[in-house]
Amino acid sequence: MTIKRFARNTAAVLLVSVLAACGNGFAGEYGHSVNGKWETIMTFKGNGEVELDMMGNTMVGKYEVKDGKVYITGGKGGQTQAFRIDEQGCIDGGMLFGTMCRKQ
């Protein structure tokens, strides 16, 4: 496992611990290709639930889409993390997650 991938996965674990709300608007797998292989990071369910795949573990949270962002809540403490949705409908995950687009 590369350091970049390890950092991304570690950040995903942290995201779940700091991730309010039920929501809707997204559905399906979001992630990106790594060396030609699809890597799913978030799977949005139609009922406001999101699954985050981190190093083989699945964490569950809630999400809401509003004001051009997706807000994810979950983990201990129930804090919320906001991610910007870009013009193509992809999620801007910053330096650690990168851009996560819907699986085609």
N, C-alpha and C. Protein backbone atom coordinates (compact mmCIF):
# COMPACT_ATOMS: atom_id res chain seq x y z
N MET A 1 0.85 -1.17 0.00
CA MET A 1 0.00 0.00 0.00
C MET A 1 0.90 1.23 0.00
N THR A 2 0.59 2.15 -0.90
CA THR A 2 1.39 3.36 -0.99
C THR A 2 1.03 4.31 0.15
N ILE A 3 1.92 5.25 0.41
CA ILE A 3 1.68 6.22 1.47
C ILE A 3 0.46 7.07 1.15
N LYS A 4 0.31 7.48 -0.13
CA LYS A 4 -0.83 8.30 -0.53
C LYS A 4 -2.14 7.55 -0.30
N ARG A 5 -2.18 6.29 -0.68
CA ARG A 5 -3.40 5.50 -0.50
C ARG A 5 -3.66 5.28 0.99
N PHE A 6 -2.62 5.02 1.76
CA PHE A 6 -2.77 4.85 3.20
C PHE A 6 -3.32 6.13 3.83
N ALA A 7 -2.78 7.28 3.41
CA ALA A 7 -3.25 8.56 3.94
C ALA A 7 -4.71 8.78 3.60
N ARG A 8 -5.10 8.45 2.36
CA ARG A 8 -6.48 8.61 1.94
C ARG A 8 -7.40 7.72 2.76
N ASN A 9 -7.00 6.47 2.97
CA ASN A 9 -7.82 5.55 3.75
C ASN A 9 -7.91 5.99 5.21
N THR A 10 -6.79 6.46 5.75
CA THR A 10 -6.79 6.95 7.12
C THR A 10 -7.71 8.15 7.25
N ALA A 11 -7.67 9.05 6.27
CA ALA A 11 -8.54 10.22 6.29
C ALA A 11 -10.01 9.80 6.23
N ALA A 12 -10.30 8.74 5.48
CA ALA A 12 -11.68 8.26 5.39
C ALA A 12 -12.16 7.76 6.75
N VAL A 13 -11.29 7.08 7.48
CA VAL A 13 -11.63 6.62 8.83
C VAL A 13 -11.91 7.83 9.71
N LEU A 14 -11.07 8.85 9.62
CA LEU A 14 -11.28 10.06 10.41
C LEU A 14 -12.56 10.77 10.01
N LEU A 15 -12.86 10.75 8.71
CA LEU A 15 -14.08 11.39 8.23
C LEU A 15 -15.30 10.80 8.91
N VAL A 16 -15.35 9.49 9.00
CA VAL A 16 -16.51 8.85 9.62
C VAL A 16 -16.60 9.24 11.09
N SER A 17 -15.45 9.39 11.76
CA SER A 17 -15.52 9.77 13.15
C SER A 17 -15.92 11.21 13.36
N VAL A 18 -15.76 12.07 12.34
CA VAL A 18 -16.19 13.47 12.46
C VAL A 18 -17.39 13.79 11.59
N LEU A 19 -17.97 12.78 10.94
CA LEU A 19 -19.08 13.02 10.06
C LEU A 19 -20.35 13.31 10.87
N ALA A 20 -25.27 15.46 9.08
CA ALA A 20 -26.16 15.26 10.24
C ALA A 20 -27.39 15.12 9.55
N ALA A 21 -27.60 14.35 9.31
CA ALA A 21 -28.87 14.60 8.73
C ALA A 21 -29.22 13.50 7.77
N CYS A 22 -30.49 13.25 7.63
CA CYS A 22 -30.92 12.38 6.55
C CYS A 22 -30.96 13.23 5.30
N GLY A 23 -30.86 12.61 4.19
CA GLY A 23 -30.91 13.39 2.98
C GLY A 23 -31.15 12.51 1.79
N ASN A 24 -31.16 13.14 0.64
CA ASN A 24 -31.29 12.38 -0.59
C ASN A 24 -30.70 13.21 -1.71
N GLY A 25 -30.68 12.68 -2.91
CA GLY A 25 -30.17 13.42 -4.03
C GLY A 25 -29.01 12.71 -4.71
N PHE A 26 -28.27 11.94 -3.99
CA PHE A 26 -27.18 11.16 -4.56
C PHE A 26 -27.58 9.70 -4.48
N ALA A 27 -27.04 8.90 -5.39
CA ALA A 27 -27.20 7.46 -5.31
C ALA A 27 -26.07 6.83 -6.10
N GLY A 28 -25.59 5.70 -5.64
CA GLY A 28 -24.56 4.98 -6.35
C GLY A 28 -23.18 5.11 -5.73
N GLU A 29 -22.21 4.52 -6.44
CA GLU A 29 -20.83 4.49 -5.97
C GLU A 29 -20.06 5.71 -6.45
N TYR A 30 -19.30 6.30 -5.56
CA TYR A 30 -18.43 7.42 -5.88
C TYR A 30 -17.01 7.05 -5.49
N GLY A 31 -16.09 7.32 -6.38
CA GLY A 31 -14.69 7.02 -6.14
C GLY A 31 -13.87 7.46 -7.34
N HIS A 32 -12.80 6.74 -7.62
CA HIS A 32 -11.95 7.06 -8.76
C HIS A 32 -11.10 5.83 -9.11
N SER A 33 -10.45 5.92 -10.26
CA SER A 33 -9.57 4.84 -10.70
C SER A 33 -8.18 5.04 -10.14
N VAL A 34 -7.60 3.94 -9.67
CA VAL A 34 -6.22 3.94 -9.18
C VAL A 34 -5.49 2.87 -9.97
N ASN A 35 -4.53 3.29 -10.79
CA ASN A 35 -3.79 2.36 -11.65
C ASN A 35 -4.72 1.50 -12.50
N GLY A 36 -5.78 2.14 -13.03
CA GLY A 36 -6.70 1.44 -13.92
C GLY A 36 -7.76 0.61 -13.22
N LYS A 37 -7.75 0.58 -11.88
CA LYS A 37 -8.72 -0.21 -11.13
C LYS A 37 -9.64 0.73 -10.34
N TRP A 38 -10.96 0.51 -10.44
CA TRP A 38 -11.92 1.35 -9.75
C TRP A 38 -11.81 1.17 -8.23
N GLU A 39 -11.80 2.27 -7.51
CA GLU A 39 -11.77 2.26 -6.06
C GLU A 39 -12.98 3.04 -5.55
N THR A 40 -13.94 2.33 -4.97
CA THR A 40 -15.13 2.98 -4.40
C THR A 40 -14.77 3.50 -3.03
N ILE A 41 -15.09 4.76 -2.79
CA ILE A 41 -14.85 5.36 -1.48
C ILE A 41 -16.17 5.55 -0.74
N MET A 42 -17.19 6.04 -1.45
CA MET A 42 -18.49 6.27 -0.84
C MET A 42 -19.58 5.64 -1.70
N THR A 43 -20.54 4.98 -1.06
CA THR A 43 -21.72 4.45 -1.74
C THR A 43 -22.94 5.11 -1.12
N PHE A 44 -23.62 5.92 -1.92
CA PHE A 44 -24.80 6.64 -1.46
C PHE A 44 -26.04 5.81 -1.72
N LYS A 45 -26.83 5.61 -0.69
CA LYS A 45 -28.09 4.90 -0.78
C LYS A 45 -29.19 5.94 -0.99
N GLY A 46 -30.29 5.55 -1.57
CA GLY A 46 -31.37 6.49 -1.83
C GLY A 46 -32.10 6.96 -0.59
N ASN A 47 -31.85 6.37 0.56
CA ASN A 47 -32.58 6.69 1.77
C ASN A 47 -31.82 7.61 2.72
N GLY A 48 -30.81 8.32 2.20
CA GLY A 48 -30.04 9.23 3.04
C GLY A 48 -28.89 8.56 3.77
N GLU A 49 -28.61 7.32 3.44
CA GLU A 49 -27.52 6.60 4.08
C GLU A 49 -26.32 6.53 3.13
N VAL A 50 -25.13 6.64 3.70
CA VAL A 50 -23.91 6.52 2.92
C VAL A 50 -23.00 5.50 3.59
N GLU A 51 -22.38 4.67 2.78
CA GLU A 51 -21.38 3.72 3.26
C GLU A 51 -20.02 4.19 2.79
N LEU A 52 -19.06 4.23 3.69
CA LEU A 52 -17.70 4.63 3.37
C LEU A 52 -16.81 3.41 3.48
N ASP A 53 -16.14 3.08 2.38
CA ASP A 53 -15.27 1.91 2.33
C ASP A 53 -13.85 2.35 2.67
N MET A 54 -13.35 1.82 3.79
CA MET A 54 -12.03 2.20 4.25
C MET A 54 -11.23 0.98 4.63
N MET A 55 -10.21 0.70 3.84
CA MET A 55 -9.29 -0.40 4.11
C MET A 55 -10.03 -1.70 4.40
N GLY A 56 -11.06 -1.98 3.59
CA GLY A 56 -11.80 -3.22 3.73
C GLY A 56 -12.92 -3.18 4.76
N ASN A 57 -13.05 -2.08 5.48
CA ASN A 57 -14.13 -1.92 6.45
C ASN A 57 -15.16 -0.96 5.90
N THR A 58 -16.41 -1.17 6.28
CA THR A 58 -17.47 -0.28 5.84
C THR A 58 -18.04 0.45 7.04
N MET A 59 -18.02 1.77 6.97
CA MET A 59 -18.60 2.62 8.00
C MET A 59 -19.88 3.20 7.41
N VAL A 60 -20.89 3.39 8.23
CA VAL A 60 -22.18 3.88 7.77
C VAL A 60 -22.46 5.24 8.40
N GLY A 61 -22.98 6.15 7.58
CA GLY A 61 -23.36 7.47 8.06
C GLY A 61 -24.61 7.93 7.33
N LYS A 62 -25.01 9.15 7.61
CA LYS A 62 -26.15 9.79 6.94
C LYS A 62 -25.62 10.94 6.10
N TYR A 63 -26.36 11.29 5.06
CA TYR A 63 -25.93 12.40 4.22
C TYR A 63 -27.13 13.26 3.83
N GLU A 64 -26.81 14.51 3.50
CA GLU A 64 -27.79 15.45 3.00
C GLU A 64 -27.11 16.30 1.94
N VAL A 65 -27.80 16.55 0.84
CA VAL A 65 -27.27 17.38 -0.24
C VAL A 65 -28.01 18.71 -0.21
N LYS A 66 -27.25 19.80 -0.07
CA LYS A 66 -27.85 21.14 -0.13
C LYS A 66 -26.77 22.18 -0.38
N ASP A 67 -27.17 23.26 -1.01
CA ASP A 67 -26.28 24.39 -1.27
C ASP A 67 -24.99 24.00 -1.98
N GLY A 68 -25.07 23.04 -2.92
CA GLY A 68 -23.90 22.65 -3.69
C GLY A 68 -22.88 21.83 -2.93
N LYS A 69 -23.32 21.24 -1.81
CA LYS A 69 -22.42 20.42 -1.00
C LYS A 69 -23.15 19.17 -0.54
N VAL A 70 -22.36 18.14 -0.23
CA VAL A 70 -22.92 16.96 0.41
C VAL A 70 -22.38 16.96 1.84
N TYR A 71 -23.30 16.88 2.80
CA TYR A 71 -22.96 16.89 4.22
C TYR A 71 -23.08 15.47 4.74
N ILE A 72 -22.00 14.96 5.32
CA ILE A 72 -21.97 13.58 5.81
C ILE A 72 -21.78 13.60 7.32
N THR A 73 -22.64 12.83 8.01
CA THR A 73 -22.62 12.76 9.46
C THR A 73 -22.54 11.31 9.88
N GLY A 74 -21.75 11.03 10.90
CA GLY A 74 -21.69 9.68 11.43
C GLY A 74 -20.56 9.52 12.41
N GLY A 75 -20.34 8.30 12.81
CA GLY A 75 -19.26 8.02 13.75
C GLY A 75 -19.55 8.56 15.13
N LYS A 76 -18.59 8.41 16.00
CA LYS A 76 -18.73 8.89 17.37
C LYS A 76 -18.75 10.41 17.39
N GLY A 77 -19.64 10.96 18.14
CA GLY A 77 -19.75 12.40 18.23
C GLY A 77 -20.73 13.01 17.26
N GLY A 78 -21.04 12.33 16.18
CA GLY A 78 -22.04 12.79 15.23
C GLY A 78 -21.76 14.14 14.58
N GLN A 79 -20.50 14.47 14.39
CA GLN A 79 -20.17 15.72 13.73
C GLN A 79 -20.35 15.59 12.23
N THR A 80 -20.47 16.73 11.56
CA THR A 80 -20.76 16.76 10.13
C THR A 80 -19.57 17.29 9.34
N GLN A 81 -19.28 16.64 8.21
CA GLN A 81 -18.24 17.08 7.28
C GLN A 81 -18.91 17.47 5.98
N ALA A 82 -18.54 18.61 5.41
CA ALA A 82 -19.13 19.08 4.15
C ALA A 82 -18.12 18.91 3.02
N PHE A 83 -18.60 18.45 1.86
CA PHE A 83 -17.78 18.29 0.66
C PHE A 83 -18.45 19.05 -0.48
N ARG A 84 -17.70 19.82 -1.22
CA ARG A 84 -18.21 20.59 -2.36
C ARG A 84 -18.50 19.63 -3.52
N ILE A 85 -19.60 19.90 -4.22
CA ILE A 85 -19.95 19.16 -5.42
C ILE A 85 -19.56 20.04 -6.60
N ASP A 86 -18.72 19.52 -7.51
CA ASP A 86 -18.25 20.34 -8.63
C ASP A 86 -19.28 20.35 -9.77
N GLU A 87 -18.93 21.06 -10.83
CA GLU A 87 -19.83 21.26 -11.97
C GLU A 87 -20.20 19.95 -12.67
N GLN A 88 -19.37 18.93 -12.58
CA GLN A 88 -19.64 17.64 -13.21
C GLN A 88 -20.41 16.70 -12.29
N GLY A 89 -20.74 17.14 -11.07
CA GLY A 89 -21.44 16.29 -10.12
C GLY A 89 -20.52 15.41 -9.31
N CYS A 90 -19.22 15.67 -9.39
CA CYS A 90 -18.24 14.91 -8.61
C CYS A 90 -18.05 15.58 -7.26
N ILE A 91 -17.56 14.82 -6.31
CA ILE A 91 -17.33 15.31 -4.96
C ILE A 91 -15.87 15.68 -4.81
N ASP A 92 -15.61 16.91 -4.35
CA ASP A 92 -14.25 17.36 -4.11
C ASP A 92 -13.84 16.90 -2.72
N GLY A 93 -12.97 15.91 -2.68
CA GLY A 93 -12.52 15.34 -1.41
C GLY A 93 -11.23 15.94 -0.90
N GLY A 94 -10.78 17.01 -1.51
CA GLY A 94 -9.55 17.65 -1.05
C GLY A 94 -8.31 16.84 -1.39
N MET A 95 -7.20 17.21 -0.76
CA MET A 95 -5.92 16.58 -1.06
C MET A 95 -5.89 15.09 -0.71
N LEU A 96 -6.57 14.69 0.35
CA LEU A 96 -6.48 13.29 0.78
C LEU A 96 -7.38 12.35 -0.01
N PHE A 97 -8.61 12.79 -0.32
CA PHE A 97 -9.54 11.93 -1.05
C PHE A 97 -9.45 12.10 -2.55
N GLY A 98 -9.09 13.29 -2.98
CA GLY A 98 -9.11 13.60 -4.40
C GLY A 98 -10.54 13.81 -4.87
N THR A 99 -10.73 13.83 -6.16
CA THR A 99 -12.07 13.98 -6.73
C THR A 99 -12.73 12.63 -6.86
N MET A 100 -13.93 12.53 -6.31
CA MET A 100 -14.68 11.27 -6.34
C MET A 100 -15.88 11.46 -7.25
N CYS A 101 -15.92 10.70 -8.34
CA CYS A 101 -17.03 10.79 -9.30
C CYS A 101 -17.87 9.52 -9.23
N ARG A 102 -19.09 9.63 -9.75
CA ARG A 102 -19.98 8.48 -9.77
C ARG A 102 -19.45 7.43 -10.74
N LYS A 103 -19.52 6.19 -10.30
CA LYS A 103 -19.07 5.07 -11.15
C LYS A 103 -19.98 4.96 -12.36
N GLN A 104 -19.38 4.86 -13.52
CA GLN A 104 -20.13 4.76 -14.77
C GLN A 104 -20.52 3.33 -15.06
